[in-house]
Protein backbone atom coordinates (compact mmCIF):
# COMPACT_ATOMS: atom_id res chain seq x y z
CA UNK A 1 -18.23 15.63 -18.90
CA UNK A 2 -16.16 18.54 -20.18
CA UNK A 3 -17.85 21.41 -22.03
CA UNK A 4 -15.59 23.79 -23.93
CA UNK A 5 -18.10 26.39 -25.18
CA UNK A 6 -18.29 29.27 -22.67
CA UNK A 7 -21.90 30.17 -23.38
CA UNK A 8 -23.02 26.57 -23.02
CA UNK A 9 -21.14 26.29 -19.71
CA UNK A 10 -22.84 29.38 -18.31
CA UNK A 11 -26.27 28.16 -19.42
CA UNK A 12 -25.78 24.68 -17.95
CA UNK A 13 -24.49 25.93 -14.61
CA UNK A 14 -27.24 28.54 -14.33
CA UNK A 15 -29.89 25.90 -15.02
CA UNK A 16 -28.37 23.51 -12.48
CA UNK A 17 -28.20 26.17 -9.76
CA UNK A 18 -31.80 27.16 -10.44
CA UNK A 19 -32.86 23.54 -9.85
CA UNK A 20 -31.14 23.42 -6.46
CA UNK A 21 -27.63 22.20 -7.24
CA UNK A 22 -24.58 23.81 -5.66
CA UNK A 23 -22.49 25.92 -8.00
CA UNK A 24 -19.14 24.28 -7.28
CA UNK A 25 -20.59 20.83 -7.93
CA UNK A 26 -22.08 21.97 -11.23
CA UNK A 27 -18.71 23.44 -12.20
CA UNK A 28 -16.95 20.16 -11.44
CA UNK A 29 -19.45 18.35 -13.64
CA UNK A 30 -18.77 20.53 -16.69
CA UNK A 31 -15.03 20.68 -16.03
CA UNK A 32 -14.71 24.39 -15.13
CA UNK A 33 -13.25 25.95 -12.02
CA UNK A 34 -15.72 27.93 -9.92
CA UNK A 35 -13.39 30.95 -9.95
CA UNK A 36 -13.29 30.86 -13.73
CA UNK A 37 -17.08 30.80 -13.88
CA UNK A 38 -17.32 33.83 -11.60
CA UNK A 39 -14.85 35.70 -13.79
CA UNK A 40 -16.88 34.86 -16.88
CA UNK A 41 -20.04 36.20 -15.25
CA UNK A 42 -18.57 39.68 -14.76
CA UNK A 43 -19.32 42.06 -17.70
CA UNK A 44 -15.76 43.36 -18.02
CA UNK A 45 -14.36 39.84 -18.41
CA UNK A 46 -17.24 38.19 -20.21
CA UNK A 47 -15.24 37.88 -23.44
CA UNK A 48 -12.15 35.75 -23.78
CA UNK A 49 -9.20 38.12 -23.96
CA UNK A 50 -6.62 35.47 -24.75
CA UNK A 51 -5.05 35.83 -28.19
CA UNK A 52 -2.38 33.15 -28.03
CA UNK A 53 1.22 33.52 -29.24
CA UNK A 54 1.65 36.11 -31.96
CA UNK A 55 4.97 34.77 -33.23
CA UNK A 56 6.49 31.35 -33.74
CA UNK A 57 9.88 30.33 -32.27
CA UNK A 58 12.80 30.81 -34.64
CA UNK A 59 14.08 27.29 -34.16
CA UNK A 60 10.75 25.54 -34.83
CA UNK A 61 10.74 22.79 -37.43
CA UNK A 62 9.41 23.79 -40.81
CA UNK A 63 6.84 21.72 -42.61
CA UNK A 64 9.50 20.68 -45.14
CA UNK A 65 11.72 19.37 -42.35
CA UNK A 66 8.83 17.50 -40.74
CA UNK A 67 7.95 15.85 -44.06
CA UNK A 68 11.59 14.89 -44.51
CA UNK A 69 11.69 13.27 -41.06
CA UNK A 70 8.56 11.26 -41.85
CA UNK A 71 10.00 10.16 -45.17
CA UNK A 72 13.25 9.03 -43.56
CA UNK A 73 11.43 7.08 -40.85
CA UNK A 74 9.32 5.40 -43.54
CA UNK A 75 12.32 3.98 -45.39
CA UNK A 76 12.45 0.15 -45.39
CA UNK A 77 15.83 0.23 -43.61
CA UNK A 78 14.35 2.24 -40.71
CA UNK A 79 10.83 0.81 -40.52
CA UNK A 80 11.69 -1.56 -37.65
CA UNK A 81 13.94 0.64 -35.53
CA UNK A 82 13.28 3.43 -33.06
CA UNK A 83 14.43 7.05 -33.40
CA UNK A 84 17.24 6.19 -30.97
CA UNK A 85 18.61 3.99 -33.77
CA UNK A 86 17.72 6.29 -36.66
CA UNK A 87 19.51 9.41 -35.42
CA UNK A 88 22.95 7.77 -34.84
CA UNK A 89 22.81 6.00 -38.20
CA UNK A 90 22.07 9.27 -39.95
CA UNK A 91 24.95 10.87 -38.05
CA UNK A 92 27.30 8.12 -39.32
CA UNK A 93 26.34 9.18 -42.85
CA UNK A 94 26.97 12.83 -42.10
CA UNK A 95 23.30 13.74 -41.88
CA UNK A 96 21.38 15.48 -39.07
CA UNK A 97 17.67 16.14 -39.25
CA UNK A 98 16.54 16.47 -35.64
CA UNK A 99 17.01 14.99 -32.20
CA UNK A 100 15.43 11.76 -30.97
CA UNK A 101 12.80 13.64 -29.00
CA UNK A 102 11.85 15.69 -32.07
CA UNK A 103 11.54 12.50 -34.09
CA UNK A 104 9.22 11.04 -31.45
CA UNK A 105 7.15 14.23 -31.32
CA UNK A 106 6.71 14.46 -35.10
CA UNK A 107 5.94 10.77 -35.55
CA UNK A 108 3.39 10.89 -32.75
CA UNK A 109 1.68 13.88 -34.37
CA UNK A 110 1.52 11.93 -37.64
CA UNK A 111 0.13 8.85 -35.82
CA UNK A 112 3.14 6.80 -36.86
CA UNK A 113 4.40 5.93 -33.39
CA UNK A 114 3.65 2.32 -32.48
CA UNK A 115 5.47 -0.90 -31.73
CA UNK A 116 7.38 -2.66 -34.50
CA UNK A 117 9.73 -5.59 -34.58
CA UNK A 118 9.73 -9.09 -33.15
CA UNK A 119 9.87 -8.13 -29.49
CA UNK A 120 6.71 -8.21 -27.42
CA UNK A 121 5.36 -4.68 -26.91
CA UNK A 122 5.60 -3.18 -23.46
CA UNK A 123 2.50 -3.78 -21.43
CA UNK A 124 1.36 -3.59 -17.83
CA UNK A 125 -0.84 -6.35 -16.49
CA UNK A 126 -3.39 -5.63 -13.84
CA UNK A 127 -4.06 -8.20 -11.14
CA UNK A 128 -7.24 -10.20 -11.31
CA UNK A 129 -10.17 -8.13 -10.08
CA UNK A 130 -12.63 -9.67 -7.62
CA UNK A 131 -16.03 -8.42 -6.53
CA UNK A 132 -17.70 -10.26 -3.66
CA UNK A 133 -21.17 -9.86 -2.19
CA UNK A 134 -21.12 -12.46 0.59
CA UNK A 135 -18.70 -13.90 3.14
CA UNK A 136 -16.74 -17.12 2.54
CA UNK A 137 -16.18 -16.36 -1.15
CA UNK A 138 -12.78 -14.61 -1.08
CA UNK A 139 -9.98 -14.87 1.46
CA UNK A 140 -6.78 -12.85 1.58
CA UNK A 141 -3.74 -13.93 3.56
CA UNK A 142 -0.13 -13.08 4.24
CA UNK A 143 2.71 -13.64 6.70
CA UNK A 144 4.19 -10.97 8.97
CA UNK A 145 7.09 -10.89 11.43
CA UNK A 146 6.69 -10.76 15.19
CA UNK A 147 9.74 -9.69 17.19
CA UNK A 148 11.33 -12.23 19.49
CA UNK A 149 13.75 -11.78 22.41
CA UNK A 150 16.67 -12.87 20.19
CA UNK A 151 18.00 -10.24 17.79
CA UNK A 152 17.59 -11.34 14.18
CA UNK A 153 15.13 -14.09 15.09
CA UNK A 154 11.41 -13.66 14.40
CA UNK A 155 8.15 -15.48 14.82
CA UNK A 156 5.96 -15.74 11.73
CA UNK A 157 2.25 -14.96 11.92
CA UNK A 158 0.08 -16.65 9.28
CA UNK A 159 -3.17 -14.68 9.04
CA UNK A 160 -6.21 -15.28 6.79
CA UNK A 161 -8.93 -12.62 6.48
CA UNK A 162 -12.33 -12.76 4.79
CA UNK A 163 -12.35 -9.88 2.32
CA UNK A 164 -16.11 -9.28 2.51
CA UNK A 165 -16.55 -9.35 6.29
CA UNK A 166 -12.94 -8.46 7.30
CA UNK A 167 -13.08 -11.28 9.82
CA UNK A 168 -9.79 -12.98 10.70
CA UNK A 169 -10.83 -16.53 9.88
CA UNK A 170 -7.52 -18.16 10.77
CA UNK A 171 -4.26 -17.25 12.48
CA UNK A 172 -1.23 -19.27 13.57
CA UNK A 173 2.29 -18.41 14.75
CA UNK A 174 5.32 -20.52 13.81
CA UNK A 175 9.08 -20.25 13.94
CA UNK A 176 9.59 -20.45 10.17
CA UNK A 177 7.86 -19.81 6.85
CA UNK A 178 6.65 -23.09 5.42
CA UNK A 179 4.11 -24.15 2.84
CA UNK A 180 3.25 -27.11 5.09
CA UNK A 181 2.09 -24.74 7.84
CA UNK A 182 0.02 -22.65 5.43
CA UNK A 183 -1.52 -25.79 3.89
CA UNK A 184 -2.62 -27.17 7.26
CA UNK A 185 -4.02 -23.78 8.28
CA UNK A 186 -6.03 -23.54 5.05
CA UNK A 187 -7.50 -27.00 5.65
CA UNK A 188 -8.44 -26.03 9.20
CA UNK A 189 -10.17 -22.86 7.98
CA UNK A 190 -12.13 -24.70 5.29
CA UNK A 191 -13.39 -27.21 7.85
CA UNK A 192 -14.29 -24.54 10.41
CA UNK A 193 -16.07 -22.31 7.86
CA UNK A 194 -17.80 -25.17 6.03
CA UNK A 195 -16.18 -24.32 2.70
CA UNK A 196 -17.28 -26.48 -0.21
CA UNK A 197 -15.39 -27.10 -3.41
CA UNK A 198 -15.22 -24.18 -5.85
CA UNK A 199 -16.73 -21.83 -3.26
CA UNK A 200 -13.80 -19.65 -2.25
CA UNK A 201 -10.78 -18.01 -3.84
CA UNK A 202 -7.63 -17.23 -1.86
CA UNK A 203 -5.49 -14.20 -2.72
CA UNK A 204 -1.88 -13.91 -1.56
CA UNK A 205 1.45 -12.48 -2.58
CA UNK A 206 4.31 -14.37 -4.26
CA UNK A 207 6.11 -15.86 -1.26
CA UNK A 208 7.29 -19.44 -1.15
CA UNK A 209 4.73 -20.41 1.46
CA UNK A 210 1.97 -19.11 -0.83
CA UNK A 211 3.11 -20.61 -4.12
CA UNK A 212 4.79 -23.82 -2.98
CA UNK A 213 3.75 -27.10 -4.54
CA UNK A 214 2.30 -28.39 -1.25
CA UNK A 215 0.07 -25.33 -0.92
CA UNK A 216 -1.07 -25.55 -4.54
CA UNK A 217 -1.81 -29.26 -4.17
CA UNK A 218 -3.87 -28.57 -1.05
CA UNK A 219 -5.82 -25.86 -2.86
CA UNK A 220 -6.52 -28.21 -5.75
CA UNK A 221 -7.70 -30.96 -3.41
CA UNK A 222 -9.97 -28.55 -1.50
CA UNK A 223 -11.32 -26.92 -4.66
CA UNK A 224 -9.86 -23.51 -3.76
CA UNK A 225 -8.94 -21.13 -6.57
CA UNK A 226 -5.56 -19.41 -5.99
CA UNK A 227 -4.84 -15.80 -6.90
CA UNK A 228 -1.51 -13.98 -6.61
CA UNK A 229 -0.32 -10.39 -6.55
CA UNK A 230 1.96 -8.94 -9.18
CA UNK A 231 5.65 -9.31 -8.36
CA UNK A 232 7.11 -6.36 -6.42
CA UNK A 233 3.70 -4.64 -6.12
CA UNK A 234 2.91 -4.20 -2.45
CA UNK A 235 -0.61 -2.80 -2.75
CA UNK A 236 -2.11 -5.77 -4.63
CA UNK A 237 -2.91 -7.37 -1.25
CA UNK A 238 -4.39 -4.37 0.61
CA UNK A 239 -6.73 -6.15 3.03
CA UNK A 240 -3.99 -8.23 4.61
CA UNK A 241 -1.62 -5.27 4.81
CA UNK A 242 -4.33 -3.16 6.46
CA UNK A 243 -5.00 -5.87 9.03
CA UNK A 244 -1.29 -6.06 9.86
CA UNK A 245 -1.30 -2.30 10.36
CA UNK A 246 -4.20 -2.63 12.79
CA UNK A 247 -2.47 -5.50 14.58
CA UNK A 248 0.86 -3.80 15.18
CA UNK A 249 -0.50 -0.37 16.09
CA UNK A 250 -3.40 -1.31 18.33
CA UNK A 251 -3.17 -0.58 22.10
CA UNK A 252 -2.97 -4.32 22.81
CA UNK A 253 0.33 -4.78 20.97
CA UNK A 254 3.19 -5.37 23.47
CA UNK A 255 5.96 -2.81 23.77
CA UNK A 256 8.60 -5.51 24.20
CA UNK A 257 9.44 -8.53 22.01
CA UNK A 258 7.76 -11.83 22.69
CA UNK A 259 9.73 -13.97 25.12
CA UNK A 260 8.60 -17.29 23.65
CA UNK A 261 6.54 -18.88 20.91
CA UNK A 262 3.75 -19.72 23.39
CA UNK A 263 3.54 -16.07 24.48
CA UNK A 264 3.25 -14.93 20.86
CA UNK A 265 0.52 -17.46 20.16
CA UNK A 266 -1.42 -16.45 23.27
CA UNK A 267 -1.27 -12.77 22.34
CA UNK A 268 -2.38 -13.44 18.74
CA UNK A 269 -5.37 -15.41 20.05
CA UNK A 270 -6.31 -12.46 22.27
CA UNK A 271 -5.97 -10.01 19.40
CA UNK A 272 -8.07 -12.12 17.01
CA UNK A 273 -10.84 -12.37 19.58
CA UNK A 274 -10.80 -8.61 20.20
CA UNK A 275 -10.59 -7.78 16.49
CA UNK A 276 -13.45 -10.06 15.42
CA UNK A 277 -15.86 -9.43 18.30
CA UNK A 278 -15.12 -5.91 19.64
CA UNK A 279 -13.31 -3.83 17.04
CA UNK A 280 -15.61 -1.52 15.04
CA UNK A 281 -14.17 -1.62 11.55
CA UNK A 282 -14.34 1.63 9.57
CA UNK A 283 -14.54 -0.20 6.23
CA UNK A 284 -17.82 -1.94 7.11
CA UNK A 285 -19.79 0.98 8.64
CA UNK A 286 -18.20 0.57 12.07
CA UNK A 287 -19.58 -2.86 12.80
CA UNK A 288 -17.59 -5.82 14.07
CA UNK A 289 -16.19 -8.29 11.53
CA UNK A 290 -17.93 -11.15 13.34
CA UNK A 291 -21.35 -9.50 13.03
CA UNK A 292 -20.86 -8.86 9.32
CA UNK A 293 -19.62 -12.43 8.85
CA UNK A 294 -22.80 -13.83 10.37
CA UNK A 295 -25.15 -11.21 8.87
CA UNK A 296 -26.28 -9.63 12.14
CA UNK A 297 -24.80 -6.29 11.07
CA UNK A 298 -27.93 -5.65 8.98
CA UNK A 299 -30.08 -5.31 12.11
CA UNK A 300 -27.39 -3.22 13.84
CA UNK A 301 -27.19 -0.74 10.96
CA UNK A 302 -30.98 -0.54 10.65
CA UNK A 303 -31.24 0.27 14.37
CA UNK A 304 -28.62 3.03 14.02
CA UNK A 305 -30.55 4.50 11.11
CA UNK A 306 -33.76 4.60 13.17
CA UNK A 307 -31.93 6.31 16.04
CA UNK A 308 -30.60 9.00 13.69
CA UNK A 309 -33.98 9.56 12.03
CA UNK A 310 -35.57 9.96 15.46
CA UNK A 311 -32.92 12.48 16.45
CA UNK A 312 -33.49 14.38 13.20
CA UNK A 313 -37.21 14.59 13.86
CA UNK A 314 -36.51 15.87 17.37
CA UNK A 315 -34.04 18.56 16.24
CA UNK A 316 -34.55 19.09 12.50
CA UNK A 317 -32.55 22.32 12.44
CA UNK A 318 -29.39 20.46 13.36
CA UNK A 319 -29.39 18.64 10.03
CA UNK A 320 -28.93 20.55 6.78
CA UNK A 321 -29.39 17.37 4.73
CA UNK A 322 -29.80 13.65 5.15
CA UNK A 323 -28.65 11.79 8.23
CA UNK A 324 -25.54 9.68 8.36
CA UNK A 325 -25.42 6.82 5.88
CA UNK A 326 -25.91 3.55 7.76
CA UNK A 327 -26.73 1.37 4.74
CA UNK A 328 -24.86 -1.89 4.49
CA UNK A 329 -21.96 -2.04 2.05
CA UNK A 330 -23.19 -4.71 -0.36
CA UNK A 331 -20.12 -5.15 -2.58
CA UNK A 332 -16.42 -5.30 -1.86
CA UNK A 333 -13.80 -5.26 -4.61
CA UNK A 334 -10.20 -6.44 -4.57
CA UNK A 335 -7.86 -4.83 -7.10
CA UNK A 336 -10.77 -3.42 -9.07
CA UNK A 337 -10.58 -0.32 -11.29
CA UNK A 338 -11.84 2.80 -9.54
CA UNK A 339 -14.96 4.44 -10.92
CA UNK A 340 -14.01 7.08 -13.45
CA UNK A 341 -10.45 5.82 -13.87
CA UNK A 342 -9.31 4.82 -17.37
CA UNK A 343 -9.51 1.09 -17.92
CA UNK A 344 -6.37 -0.77 -18.91
CA UNK A 345 -8.20 -3.73 -20.43
CA UNK A 346 -7.86 -3.58 -24.19
CA UNK A 347 -8.72 -5.72 -27.14
CA UNK A 348 -6.85 -9.03 -27.11
CA UNK A 349 -3.51 -8.99 -28.90
CA UNK A 350 -3.46 -11.16 -31.97
CA UNK A 351 -0.81 -12.46 -34.33
CA UNK A 352 -0.98 -12.05 -38.08
CA UNK A 353 -2.71 -15.42 -38.36
CA UNK A 354 -5.50 -14.20 -36.08
CA UNK A 355 -4.56 -16.14 -32.96
CA UNK A 356 -5.41 -14.43 -29.72
CA UNK A 357 -2.43 -14.08 -27.41
CA UNK A 358 -4.60 -13.13 -24.44
CA UNK A 359 -7.59 -14.88 -23.04
CA UNK A 360 -10.60 -12.59 -23.37
CA UNK A 361 -12.29 -14.05 -20.32
CA UNK A 362 -11.40 -16.45 -17.58
CA UNK A 363 -13.72 -18.53 -15.49
CA UNK A 364 -13.24 -18.42 -11.77
CA UNK A 365 -15.15 -21.17 -9.92
CA UNK A 366 -16.58 -19.01 -7.16
CA UNK A 367 -19.78 -19.48 -5.23
CA UNK A 368 -21.65 -16.91 -7.29
CA UNK A 369 -20.48 -18.17 -10.65
CA UNK A 370 -18.94 -14.79 -11.30
CA UNK A 371 -17.26 -14.14 -14.62
CA UNK A 372 -14.09 -12.11 -14.24
CA UNK A 373 -12.55 -10.31 -17.18
CA UNK A 374 -8.80 -10.07 -17.38
CA UNK A 375 -6.42 -8.61 -19.91
CA UNK A 376 -3.21 -6.79 -20.55
CA UNK A 377 -2.73 -3.10 -21.17
CA UNK A 378 -0.94 -1.68 -24.17
CA UNK A 379 0.97 1.45 -23.32
CA UNK A 380 2.03 4.05 -25.84
CA UNK A 381 5.79 4.10 -26.37
CA UNK A 382 7.37 6.61 -24.05
CA UNK A 383 9.60 9.24 -25.63
CA UNK A 384 13.13 8.50 -24.64
CA UNK A 385 12.54 4.76 -24.29
CA UNK A 386 15.00 2.67 -26.23
CA UNK A 387 12.47 -0.09 -26.76
CA UNK A 388 9.92 2.04 -28.62
CA UNK A 389 9.88 2.07 -32.37
CA UNK A 390 7.70 3.42 -35.16
CA UNK A 391 5.27 2.04 -37.66
CA UNK A 392 4.42 3.58 -41.00
CA UNK A 393 1.67 2.14 -43.20
CA UNK A 394 3.44 3.73 -46.16
CA UNK A 395 6.52 1.60 -45.73
CA UNK A 396 6.70 -0.49 -48.90
CA UNK A 397 8.87 -3.31 -47.60
CA UNK A 398 6.82 -4.16 -44.56
CA UNK A 399 5.02 -7.25 -45.87
CA UNK A 400 8.20 -8.66 -47.43
CA UNK A 401 10.13 -8.33 -44.16
CA UNK A 402 7.22 -9.76 -42.21
CA UNK A 403 6.98 -12.86 -44.40
CA UNK A 404 10.65 -13.60 -43.85
CA UNK A 405 9.96 -13.99 -40.14
CA UNK A 406 7.43 -16.76 -40.74
CA UNK A 407 9.08 -20.09 -40.15
CA UNK A 408 8.14 -23.69 -39.81
CA UNK A 409 7.32 -24.91 -36.33
CA UNK A 410 5.96 -28.39 -35.63
CA UNK A 411 8.00 -29.88 -38.44
CA UNK A 412 6.10 -33.16 -38.44
CA UNK A 413 2.79 -31.52 -39.23
CA UNK A 414 4.16 -28.80 -41.48
CA UNK A 415 2.07 -26.17 -39.73
CA UNK A 416 3.25 -22.71 -40.64
CA UNK A 417 2.80 -19.96 -38.15
CA UNK A 418 4.16 -16.63 -36.99
CA UNK A 419 5.75 -17.43 -33.63
CA UNK A 420 7.11 -13.99 -32.89
CA UNK A 421 4.71 -13.22 -30.11
CA UNK A 422 2.55 -16.32 -29.75
CA UNK A 423 3.00 -18.53 -26.73
CA UNK A 424 1.05 -21.62 -25.80
CA UNK A 425 -0.94 -21.35 -22.59
CA UNK A 426 -2.54 -24.31 -20.93
CA UNK A 427 -5.53 -23.95 -18.65
CA UNK A 428 -5.67 -25.69 -15.31
CA UNK A 429 -8.22 -28.47 -15.57
CA UNK A 430 -9.91 -30.10 -12.58
CA UNK A 431 -8.34 -33.40 -11.57
CA UNK A 432 -9.10 -36.26 -9.27
CA UNK A 433 -9.19 -35.34 -5.61
CA UNK A 434 -5.84 -35.58 -3.88
CA UNK A 435 -3.82 -35.97 -7.10
CA UNK A 436 -1.40 -33.27 -8.22
CA UNK A 437 -1.03 -33.14 -11.99
CA UNK A 438 2.48 -31.79 -12.42
CA UNK A 439 1.96 -30.97 -16.08
CA UNK A 440 -0.57 -28.29 -15.23
CA UNK A 441 -0.18 -27.63 -11.54
CA UNK A 442 3.55 -27.03 -11.40
CA UNK A 443 4.48 -23.69 -9.91
CA UNK A 444 5.71 -22.15 -13.16
CA UNK A 445 2.59 -22.99 -15.18
CA UNK A 446 0.24 -21.92 -12.40
CA UNK A 447 2.07 -18.62 -12.10
CA UNK A 448 1.92 -17.93 -15.83
CA UNK A 449 -1.83 -18.50 -15.86
CA UNK A 450 -2.65 -16.58 -12.72
CA UNK A 451 -0.38 -13.59 -13.31
CA UNK A 452 -1.32 -13.03 -16.96
């Protein structure tokens, strides 16, 4: 909440402080710095002494020039091009109105800056957001290198982690990256954890071992829903990356490369046992991943809370407020939007015929039957970007030029549609167990569905 009126700010902060709130917290709530509030409370500075600029720059654009720029941009010949195209064409005719940046600034002020043309507008897709409240509903996994005694040769650690409990549910070391190894490990984990069909989702990055046809077929057969990170975005898989950081910087990690594959496997087994059963994880209130996975962390946290309350009763002066928070973290999110951050999910993009180019909602067959919303973000054109162009509702030739772009597709049916931005998307349907339907479960189609 931001309050602009000075008198209202002073009244709200004064009321909040009188009710026991701290002044700096009240100032943050109304969007005012605490120093500014103190300055306003002094009599000599109680009134706003700012008067603003008294003169205008000599080179500022006049209203006549701004109107002329808008009129030029609204011409039918310029209605589908950006200012980067308008300015050079005017220069070829011996005309100069303003620079490209001035064109962008004026058109934005007139609310005429938006995408035009046949190209798809620039957008930034967020990864699928997950929110889990129990173990065995979302796994994250990745592959990391382990140094060997031979320079340039590495061992590959396949590591699966339960996002809710942070438990390492499966780990294997091999001499190469292979979708066969990852498929067998996933089957082993599902058997050991008692995973049923449509119970768990598995998030990974875009490596070949994660998106190979063998891995996708195994997921389909096991009823596991795949999820992938955005290409070239390293922080879409944060839980696996954090676990690798713990692995390679813990005191147990050897200072010299592994002499053999058996030595690497033995060390990984030791680390997984220590991590699951002894390591107090900071992200789950300093309990062990194994205790959170089995649910015994609830009793551990309740016991800690009782100890702290007893200590507070013994020495109340040592606590100015409540004791340490030992409540269990009930929800864990993966790639979710932070509270207070602007959301990038917008209304679905539609063609002129009304077709929706984006799925409003997608169903993810998880244990809790959770409905996950996905969508693409529409970004405002950036000044200086060659791909941005302008739109003017006053352009008279817009509908005529738009109708020209309509063409016949599906010639046998005679269906007429605008295919500028519309693409057909096919959902992945459940199939018979053990059968890979290549029409829907090929790598390219799966990627288009999961990364949209």
